[in-house]
Amino acid sequence: MTGIVASPGTAWTSGQYVQTGTAGAAGRTTWTGSAWVGGAAPLAAFDPGGHTIVEVQDYVTNHPDEREAILAAEQAGQNRVTLVSWLQA
């Protein structure tokens, strides 16, 4: 997007974007605080240590591409045996 300045002058938060004239994910753009960039604003990192096992499992079920990162974070943090086993399966 050229010639349009977003307000406020701060980066948009996790997952925010506007849809341009192009349909789907290819048409998403977000404001970094100083420029437009393609895609949605990066999602905030999920910390499994601040969640119950069921909450972590629900999150991973909805974000399967993050399974390895969640496993590593869990092993470095609380290292709950049942959750680690579930993540490794």
PDB file of N, CA and C in Angstrom:
ATOM      1  N   MET A   1       0.856  -1.165   0.000  1.00  0.00           N
ATOM      2  CA  MET A   1       0.000   0.000   0.000  1.00  0.00           C
ATOM      3  C   MET A   1       0.899   1.225   0.000  1.00  0.00           C
ATOM      4  N   THR A   2       0.708   2.067  -0.955  1.00  0.00           N
ATOM      5  CA  THR A   2       1.565   3.229  -1.108  1.00  0.00           C
ATOM      6  C   THR A   2       0.784   4.504  -0.836  1.00  0.00           C
ATOM      7  N   GLY A   3       1.400   5.441  -0.148  1.00  0.00           N
ATOM      8  CA  GLY A   3       0.797   6.740   0.063  1.00  0.00           C
ATOM      9  C   GLY A   3      -0.203   6.811   1.203  1.00  0.00           C
ATOM     10  N   ILE A   4      -0.399   5.729   1.908  1.00  0.00           N
ATOM     11  CA  ILE A   4      -1.331   5.723   3.034  1.00  0.00           C
ATOM     12  C   ILE A   4      -0.522   5.481   4.296  1.00  0.00           C
ATOM     13  N   VAL A   5      -0.679   6.356   5.278  1.00  0.00           N
ATOM     14  CA  VAL A   5       0.021   6.206   6.544  1.00  0.00           C
ATOM     15  C   VAL A   5      -0.993   5.788   7.595  1.00  0.00           C
ATOM     16  N   ALA A   6      -0.704   4.694   8.272  1.00  0.00           N
ATOM     17  CA  ALA A   6      -1.605   4.207   9.318  1.00  0.00           C
ATOM     18  C   ALA A   6      -1.447   5.043  10.574  1.00  0.00           C
ATOM     19  N   SER A   7      -2.477   5.085  11.348  1.00  0.00           N
ATOM     20  CA  SER A   7      -2.457   5.794  12.615  1.00  0.00           C
ATOM     21  C   SER A   7      -3.028   4.848  13.660  1.00  0.00           C
ATOM     22  N   PRO A   8      -2.442   4.706  14.805  1.00  0.00           N
ATOM     23  CA  PRO A   8      -1.304   5.452  15.322  1.00  0.00           C
ATOM     24  C   PRO A   8       0.001   4.996  14.690  1.00  0.00           C
ATOM     25  N   GLY A   9       1.069   5.676  15.039  1.00  0.00           N
ATOM     26  CA  GLY A   9       2.368   5.382  14.467  1.00  0.00           C
ATOM     27  C   GLY A   9       3.082   4.246  15.170  1.00  0.00           C
ATOM     28  N   THR A  10       2.356   3.303  15.703  1.00  0.00           N
ATOM     29  CA  THR A  10       2.959   2.143  16.355  1.00  0.00           C
ATOM     30  C   THR A  10       2.596   0.883  15.581  1.00  0.00           C
ATOM     31  N   ALA A  11       3.390  -0.143  15.747  1.00  0.00           N
ATOM     32  CA  ALA A  11       3.129  -1.409  15.059  1.00  0.00           C
ATOM     33  C   ALA A  11       1.794  -1.995  15.506  1.00  0.00           C
ATOM     34  N   TRP A  12       1.119  -2.627  14.567  1.00  0.00           N
ATOM     35  CA  TRP A  12      -0.134  -3.291  14.895  1.00  0.00           C
ATOM     36  C   TRP A  12       0.159  -4.526  15.719  1.00  0.00           C
ATOM     37  N   THR A  13      -0.826  -4.943  16.492  1.00  0.00           N
ATOM     38  CA  THR A  13      -0.616  -6.057  17.408  1.00  0.00           C
ATOM     39  C   THR A  13      -0.878  -7.404  16.753  1.00  0.00           C
ATOM     40  N   SER A  14      -0.547  -8.428  17.458  1.00  0.00           N
ATOM     41  CA  SER A  14      -0.596  -9.817  17.027  1.00  0.00           C
ATOM     42  C   SER A  14      -1.819 -10.167  16.185  1.00  0.00           C
ATOM     43  N   GLY A  15      -1.547 -10.602  14.950  1.00  0.00           N
ATOM     44  CA  GLY A  15      -2.601 -11.083  14.064  1.00  0.00           C
ATOM     45  C   GLY A  15      -3.367 -10.022  13.295  1.00  0.00           C
ATOM     46  N   GLN A  16      -3.128  -8.750  13.548  1.00  0.00           N
ATOM     47  CA  GLN A  16      -3.879  -7.696  12.871  1.00  0.00           C
ATOM     48  C   GLN A  16      -3.383  -7.479  11.442  1.00  0.00           C
ATOM     49  N   TYR A  17      -4.319  -7.167  10.554  1.00  0.00           N
ATOM     50  CA  TYR A  17      -3.988  -6.866   9.166  1.00  0.00           C
ATOM     51  C   TYR A  17      -5.185  -6.195   8.502  1.00  0.00           C
ATOM     52  N   VAL A  18      -4.948  -5.632   7.322  1.00  0.00           N
ATOM     53  CA  VAL A  18      -6.028  -5.156   6.459  1.00  0.00           C
ATOM     54  C   VAL A  18      -5.981  -5.996   5.197  1.00  0.00           C
ATOM     55  N   GLN A  19      -7.126  -6.170   4.605  1.00  0.00           N
ATOM     56  CA  GLN A  19      -7.208  -6.934   3.357  1.00  0.00           C
ATOM     57  C   GLN A  19      -7.158  -5.944   2.203  1.00  0.00           C
ATOM     58  N   THR A  20      -6.208  -6.151   1.314  1.00  0.00           N
ATOM     59  CA  THR A  20      -6.097  -5.291   0.137  1.00  0.00           C
ATOM     60  C   THR A  20      -7.040  -5.812  -0.942  1.00  0.00           C
ATOM     61  N   GLY A  21      -6.901  -5.332  -2.147  1.00  0.00           N
ATOM     62  CA  GLY A  21      -7.750  -5.756  -3.251  1.00  0.00           C
ATOM     63  C   GLY A  21      -7.517  -7.186  -3.696  1.00  0.00           C
ATOM     64  N   THR A  22      -6.445  -7.810  -3.216  1.00  0.00           N
ATOM     65  CA  THR A  22      -6.155  -9.204  -3.539  1.00  0.00           C
ATOM     66  C   THR A  22      -6.810 -10.097  -2.492  1.00  0.00           C
ATOM     67  N   ALA A  23      -7.498 -11.126  -2.945  1.00  0.00           N
ATOM     68  CA  ALA A  23      -8.201 -12.016  -2.022  1.00  0.00           C
ATOM     69  C   ALA A  23      -7.245 -12.932  -1.272  1.00  0.00           C
ATOM     70  N   GLY A  24      -7.665 -13.390  -0.111  1.00  0.00           N
ATOM     71  CA  GLY A  24      -6.926 -14.383   0.659  1.00  0.00           C
ATOM     72  C   GLY A  24      -5.696 -13.843   1.353  1.00  0.00           C
ATOM     73  N   ALA A  25      -4.866 -14.787   1.827  1.00  0.00           N
ATOM     74  CA  ALA A  25      -3.675 -14.427   2.593  1.00  0.00           C
ATOM     75  C   ALA A  25      -2.711 -13.556   1.795  1.00  0.00           C
ATOM     76  N   ALA A  26      -2.682 -13.731   0.489  1.00  0.00           N
ATOM     77  CA  ALA A  26      -1.769 -12.938  -0.347  1.00  0.00           C
ATOM     78  C   ALA A  26      -2.106 -11.450  -0.322  1.00  0.00           C
ATOM     79  N   GLY A  27      -3.327 -11.115   0.024  1.00  0.00           N
ATOM     80  CA  GLY A  27      -3.745  -9.719   0.044  1.00  0.00           C
ATOM     81  C   GLY A  27      -3.682  -9.062   1.406  1.00  0.00           C
ATOM     82  N   ARG A  28      -3.142  -9.744   2.386  1.00  0.00           N
ATOM     83  CA  ARG A  28      -3.053  -9.172   3.737  1.00  0.00           C
ATOM     84  C   ARG A  28      -1.812  -8.301   3.866  1.00  0.00           C
ATOM     85  N   THR A  29      -1.962  -7.210   4.597  1.00  0.00           N
ATOM     86  CA  THR A  29      -0.821  -6.339   4.883  1.00  0.00           C
ATOM     87  C   THR A  29      -0.990  -5.764   6.282  1.00  0.00           C
ATOM     88  N   THR A  30       0.109  -5.477   6.933  1.00  0.00           N
ATOM     89  CA  THR A  30       0.064  -4.934   8.287  1.00  0.00           C
ATOM     90  C   THR A  30       1.011  -3.744   8.401  1.00  0.00           C
ATOM     91  N   TRP A  31       0.789  -2.928   9.411  1.00  0.00           N
ATOM     92  CA  TRP A  31       1.573  -1.717   9.638  1.00  0.00           C
ATOM     93  C   TRP A  31       2.606  -1.985  10.724  1.00  0.00           C
ATOM     94  N   THR A  32       3.893  -1.752  10.433  1.00  0.00           N
ATOM     95  CA  THR A  32       4.976  -2.003  11.396  1.00  0.00           C
ATOM     96  C   THR A  32       5.213  -0.831  12.337  1.00  0.00           C
ATOM     97  N   GLY A  33       4.544   0.265  12.093  1.00  0.00           N
ATOM     98  CA  GLY A  33       4.799   1.493  12.840  1.00  0.00           C
ATOM     99  C   GLY A  33       5.484   2.520  11.972  1.00  0.00           C
ATOM    100  N   SER A  34       6.101   2.031  10.874  1.00  0.00           N
ATOM    101  CA  SER A  34       6.767   2.944   9.950  1.00  0.00           C
ATOM    102  C   SER A  34       6.560   2.562   8.492  1.00  0.00           C
ATOM    103  N   ALA A  35       6.079   1.358   8.239  1.00  0.00           N
ATOM    104  CA  ALA A  35       5.903   0.907   6.858  1.00  0.00           C
ATOM    105  C   ALA A  35       4.860  -0.204   6.786  1.00  0.00           C
ATOM    106  N   TRP A  36       4.303  -0.377   5.582  1.00  0.00           N
ATOM    107  CA  TRP A  36       3.399  -1.497   5.318  1.00  0.00           C
ATOM    108  C   TRP A  36       4.218  -2.704   4.924  1.00  0.00           C
ATOM    109  N   VAL A  37       3.877  -3.875   5.449  1.00  0.00           N
ATOM    110  CA  VAL A  37       4.537  -5.122   5.054  1.00  0.00           C
ATOM    111  C   VAL A  37       3.474  -6.175   4.789  1.00  0.00           C
ATOM    112  N   GLY A  38       3.799  -7.107   3.933  1.00  0.00           N
ATOM    113  CA  GLY A  38       2.853  -8.156   3.594  1.00  0.00           C
ATOM    114  C   GLY A  38       2.572  -9.086   4.757  1.00  0.00           C
ATOM    115  N   GLY A  39       1.346  -9.575   4.813  1.00  0.00           N
ATOM    116  CA  GLY A  39       0.944 -10.535   5.833  1.00  0.00           C
ATOM    117  C   GLY A  39       0.350  -9.885   7.058  1.00  0.00           C
ATOM    118  N   ALA A  40      -0.097 -10.732   7.968  1.00  0.00           N
ATOM    119  CA  ALA A  40      -0.641 -10.268   9.242  1.00  0.00           C
ATOM    120  C   ALA A  40       0.512 -10.012  10.208  1.00  0.00           C
ATOM    121  N   ALA A  41       0.258  -9.203  11.226  1.00  0.00           N
ATOM    122  CA  ALA A  41       1.271  -8.970  12.255  1.00  0.00           C
ATOM    123  C   ALA A  41       1.622 -10.314  12.895  1.00  0.00           C
ATOM    124  N   PRO A  42       2.890 -10.541  13.209  1.00  0.00           N
ATOM    125  CA  PRO A  42       3.284 -11.825  13.787  1.00  0.00           C
ATOM    126  C   PRO A  42       2.507 -12.131  15.068  1.00  0.00           C
ATOM    127  N   LEU A  43       2.186 -13.391  15.228  1.00  0.00           N
ATOM    128  CA  LEU A  43       1.493 -13.810  16.440  1.00  0.00           C
ATOM    129  C   LEU A  43       2.458 -13.787  17.611  1.00  0.00           C
ATOM    130  N   ALA A  44       1.941 -13.430  18.765  1.00  0.00           N
ATOM    131  CA  ALA A  44       2.757 -13.434  19.970  1.00  0.00           C
ATOM    132  C   ALA A  44       3.147 -14.875  20.301  1.00  0.00           C
ATOM    133  N   ALA A  45       4.331 -15.053  20.829  1.00  0.00           N
ATOM    134  CA  ALA A  45       4.786 -16.390  21.198  1.00  0.00           C
ATOM    135  C   ALA A  45       3.901 -16.947  22.301  1.00  0.00           C
ATOM    136  N   PHE A  46       3.533 -18.212  22.175  1.00  0.00           N
ATOM    137  CA  PHE A  46       2.703 -18.889  23.161  1.00  0.00           C
ATOM    138  C   PHE A  46       3.611 -19.524  24.201  1.00  0.00           C
ATOM    139  N   ASP A  47       3.417 -19.179  25.460  1.00  0.00           N
ATOM    140  CA  ASP A  47       4.207 -19.737  26.555  1.00  0.00           C
ATOM    141  C   ASP A  47       3.401 -20.831  27.240  1.00  0.00           C
ATOM    142  N   PRO A  48       3.761 -22.102  27.039  1.00  0.00           N
ATOM    143  CA  PRO A  48       2.976 -23.179  27.644  1.00  0.00           C
ATOM    144  C   PRO A  48       3.022 -23.154  29.171  1.00  0.00           C
ATOM    145  N   GLY A  49       4.063 -22.564  29.747  1.00  0.00           N
ATOM    146  CA  GLY A  49       4.196 -22.524  31.202  1.00  0.00           C
ATOM    147  C   GLY A  49       3.096 -21.755  31.900  1.00  0.00           C
ATOM    148  N   GLY A  50       2.457 -20.852  31.187  1.00  0.00           N
ATOM    149  CA  GLY A  50       1.388 -20.062  31.782  1.00  0.00           C
ATOM    150  C   GLY A  50       0.003 -20.645  31.546  1.00  0.00           C
ATOM    151  N   HIS A  51      -0.047 -21.907  31.082  1.00  0.00           N
ATOM    152  CA  HIS A  51      -1.323 -22.522  30.728  1.00  0.00           C
ATOM    153  C   HIS A  51      -1.417 -23.936  31.282  1.00  0.00           C
ATOM    154  N   THR A  52      -2.649 -24.413  31.440  1.00  0.00           N
ATOM    155  CA  THR A  52      -2.871 -25.794  31.863  1.00  0.00           C
ATOM    156  C   THR A  52      -2.526 -26.731  30.711  1.00  0.00           C
ATOM    157  N   ILE A  53      -2.397 -28.001  31.016  1.00  0.00           N
ATOM    158  CA  ILE A  53      -2.110 -28.993  29.982  1.00  0.00           C
ATOM    159  C   ILE A  53      -3.206 -28.987  28.926  1.00  0.00           C
ATOM    160  N   VAL A  54      -4.457 -28.926  29.345  1.00  0.00           N
ATOM    161  CA  VAL A  54      -5.573 -28.916  28.392  1.00  0.00           C
ATOM    162  C   VAL A  54      -5.514 -27.680  27.502  1.00  0.00           C
ATOM    163  N   GLU A  55      -5.180 -26.531  28.063  1.00  0.00           N
ATOM    164  CA  GLU A  55      -5.072 -25.309  27.258  1.00  0.00           C
ATOM    165  C   GLU A  55      -3.951 -25.428  26.224  1.00  0.00           C
ATOM    166  N   VAL A  56      -2.832 -26.011  26.622  1.00  0.00           N
ATOM    167  CA  VAL A  56      -1.717 -26.195  25.690  1.00  0.00           C
ATOM    168  C   VAL A  56      -2.122 -27.164  24.581  1.00  0.00           C
ATOM    169  N   GLN A  57      -2.781 -28.245  24.934  1.00  0.00           N
ATOM    170  CA  GLN A  57      -3.227 -29.208  23.938  1.00  0.00           C
ATOM    171  C   GLN A  57      -4.204 -28.567  22.950  1.00  0.00           C
ATOM    172  N   ASP A  58      -5.124 -27.764  23.452  1.00  0.00           N
ATOM    173  CA  ASP A  58      -6.065 -27.061  22.574  1.00  0.00           C
ATOM    174  C   ASP A  58      -5.326 -26.129  21.632  1.00  0.00           C
ATOM    175  N   TYR A  59      -4.342 -25.405  22.168  1.00  0.00           N
ATOM    176  CA  TYR A  59      -3.571 -24.482  21.349  1.00  0.00           C
ATOM    177  C   TYR A  59      -2.836 -25.223  20.236  1.00  0.00           C
ATOM    178  N   VAL A  60      -2.170 -26.316  20.588  1.00  0.00           N
ATOM    179  CA  VAL A  60      -1.401 -27.080  19.599  1.00  0.00           C
ATOM    180  C   VAL A  60      -2.331 -27.710  18.560  1.00  0.00           C
ATOM    181  N   THR A  61      -3.489 -28.142  18.985  1.00  0.00           N
ATOM    182  CA  THR A  61      -4.466 -28.702  18.048  1.00  0.00           C
ATOM    183  C   THR A  61      -4.862 -27.656  17.012  1.00  0.00           C
ATOM    184  N   ASN A  62      -4.996 -26.398  17.445  1.00  0.00           N
ATOM    185  CA  ASN A  62      -5.380 -25.314  16.540  1.00  0.00           C
ATOM    186  C   ASN A  62      -4.196 -24.693  15.799  1.00  0.00           C
ATOM    187  N   HIS A  63      -2.985 -24.971  16.249  1.00  0.00           N
ATOM    188  CA  HIS A  63      -1.755 -24.430  15.629  1.00  0.00           C
ATOM    189  C   HIS A  63      -0.722 -25.552  15.500  1.00  0.00           C
ATOM    190  N   PRO A  64      -1.005 -26.574  14.717  1.00  0.00           N
ATOM    191  CA  PRO A  64      -0.107 -27.736  14.644  1.00  0.00           C
ATOM    192  C   PRO A  64       1.310 -27.416  14.167  1.00  0.00           C
ATOM    193  N   ASP A  65       1.475 -26.338  13.422  1.00  0.00           N
ATOM    194  CA  ASP A  65       2.797 -25.955  12.942  1.00  0.00           C
ATOM    195  C   ASP A  65       3.705 -25.453  14.068  1.00  0.00           C
ATOM    196  N   GLU A  66       3.141 -25.216  15.247  1.00  0.00           N
ATOM    197  CA  GLU A  66       3.924 -24.722  16.375  1.00  0.00           C
ATOM    198  C   GLU A  66       4.265 -25.816  17.388  1.00  0.00           C
ATOM    199  N   ARG A  67       3.914 -27.059  17.064  1.00  0.00           N
ATOM    200  CA  ARG A  67       4.119 -28.176  18.003  1.00  0.00           C
ATOM    201  C   ARG A  67       5.568 -28.259  18.493  1.00  0.00           C
ATOM    202  N   GLU A  68       6.529 -28.201  17.586  1.00  0.00           N
ATOM    203  CA  GLU A  68       7.938 -28.339  17.979  1.00  0.00           C
ATOM    204  C   GLU A  68       8.385 -27.199  18.895  1.00  0.00           C
ATOM    205  N   ALA A  69       7.967 -25.992  18.597  1.00  0.00           N
ATOM    206  CA  ALA A  69       8.347 -24.844  19.429  1.00  0.00           C
ATOM    207  C   ALA A  69       7.722 -24.955  20.819  1.00  0.00           C
ATOM    208  N   ILE A  70       6.484 -25.421  20.874  1.00  0.00           N
ATOM    209  CA  ILE A  70       5.804 -25.585  22.162  1.00  0.00           C
ATOM    210  C   ILE A  70       6.477 -26.699  22.960  1.00  0.00           C
ATOM    211  N   LEU A  71       6.846 -27.781  22.281  1.00  0.00           N
ATOM    212  CA  LEU A  71       7.549 -28.879  22.950  1.00  0.00           C
ATOM    213  C   LEU A  71       8.864 -28.371  23.555  1.00  0.00           C
ATOM    214  N   ALA A  72       9.634 -27.640  22.781  1.00  0.00           N
ATOM    215  CA  ALA A  72      10.906 -27.116  23.282  1.00  0.00           C
ATOM    216  C   ALA A  72      10.696 -26.179  24.473  1.00  0.00           C
ATOM    217  N   ALA A  73       9.683 -25.330  24.386  1.00  0.00           N
ATOM    218  CA  ALA A  73       9.392 -24.397  25.486  1.00  0.00           C
ATOM    219  C   ALA A  73       8.950 -25.150  26.734  1.00  0.00           C
ATOM    220  N   GLU A  74       8.147 -26.189  26.548  1.00  0.00           N
ATOM    221  CA  GLU A  74       7.682 -26.982  27.691  1.00  0.00           C
ATOM    222  C   GLU A  74       8.854 -27.720  28.333  1.00  0.00           C
ATOM    223  N   GLN A  75       9.721 -28.308  27.526  1.00  0.00           N
ATOM    224  CA  GLN A  75      10.870 -29.025  28.069  1.00  0.00           C
ATOM    225  C   GLN A  75      11.828 -28.089  28.808  1.00  0.00           C
ATOM    226  N   ALA A  76      11.938 -26.856  28.351  1.00  0.00           N
ATOM    227  CA  ALA A  76      12.822 -25.880  28.998  1.00  0.00           C
ATOM    228  C   ALA A  76      12.176 -25.259  30.231  1.00  0.00           C
ATOM    229  N   GLY A  77      10.854 -25.375  30.329  1.00  0.00           N
ATOM    230  CA  GLY A  77      10.129 -24.760  31.437  1.00  0.00           C
ATOM    231  C   GLY A  77       9.671 -25.789  32.454  1.00  0.00           C
ATOM    232  N   GLN A  78       8.364 -26.015  32.485  1.00  0.00           N
ATOM    233  CA  GLN A  78       7.792 -26.902  33.492  1.00  0.00           C
ATOM    234  C   GLN A  78       8.105 -28.373  33.240  1.00  0.00           C
ATOM    235  N   ASN A  79       8.280 -28.752  31.982  1.00  0.00           N
ATOM    236  CA  ASN A  79       8.634 -30.123  31.611  1.00  0.00           C
ATOM    237  C   ASN A  79       7.668 -31.149  32.200  1.00  0.00           C
ATOM    238  N   ARG A  80       6.358 -30.897  32.028  1.00  0.00           N
ATOM    239  CA  ARG A  80       5.329 -31.814  32.527  1.00  0.00           C
ATOM    240  C   ARG A  80       5.338 -33.081  31.678  1.00  0.00           C
ATOM    241  N   VAL A  81       5.566 -34.207  32.310  1.00  0.00           N
ATOM    242  CA  VAL A  81       5.772 -35.481  31.620  1.00  0.00           C
ATOM    243  C   VAL A  81       4.599 -35.828  30.711  1.00  0.00           C
ATOM    244  N   THR A  82       3.380 -35.680  31.200  1.00  0.00           N
ATOM    245  CA  THR A  82       2.220 -36.051  30.376  1.00  0.00           C
ATOM    246  C   THR A  82       2.103 -35.159  29.155  1.00  0.00           C
ATOM    247  N   LEU A  83       2.379 -33.879  29.316  1.00  0.00           N
ATOM    248  CA  LEU A  83       2.292 -32.955  28.184  1.00  0.00           C
ATOM    249  C   LEU A  83       3.430 -33.209  27.186  1.00  0.00           C
ATOM    250  N   VAL A  84       4.630 -33.419  27.685  1.00  0.00           N
ATOM    251  CA  VAL A  84       5.771 -33.711  26.799  1.00  0.00           C
ATOM    252  C   VAL A  84       5.486 -34.964  25.996  1.00  0.00           C
ATOM    253  N   SER A  85       4.971 -36.005  26.641  1.00  0.00           N
ATOM    254  CA  SER A  85       4.640 -37.244  25.922  1.00  0.00           C
ATOM    255  C   SER A  85       3.602 -37.002  24.841  1.00  0.00           C
ATOM    256  N   TRP A  86       2.587 -36.206  25.159  1.00  0.00           N
ATOM    257  CA  TRP A  86       1.539 -35.897  24.193  1.00  0.00           C
ATOM    258  C   TRP A  86       2.108 -35.120  23.009  1.00  0.00           C
ATOM    259  N   LEU A  87       2.970 -34.150  23.281  1.00  0.00           N
ATOM    260  CA  LEU A  87       3.571 -33.349  22.220  1.00  0.00           C
ATOM    261  C   LEU A  87       4.493 -34.172  21.328  1.00  0.00           C
ATOM    262  N   GLN A  88       5.149 -35.165  21.906  1.00  0.00           N
ATOM    263  CA  GLN A  88       6.060 -35.999  21.129  1.00  0.00           C
ATOM    264  C   GLN A  88       5.340 -37.039  20.283  1.00  0.00           C
ATOM    265  N   ALA A  89       4.103 -37.359  20.639  1.00  0.00           N
ATOM    266  CA  ALA A  89       3.342 -38.395  19.916  1.00  0.00           C
ATOM    267  C   ALA A  89       2.935 -37.949  18.541  1.00  0.00           C
TER     268      ALA A  89
END
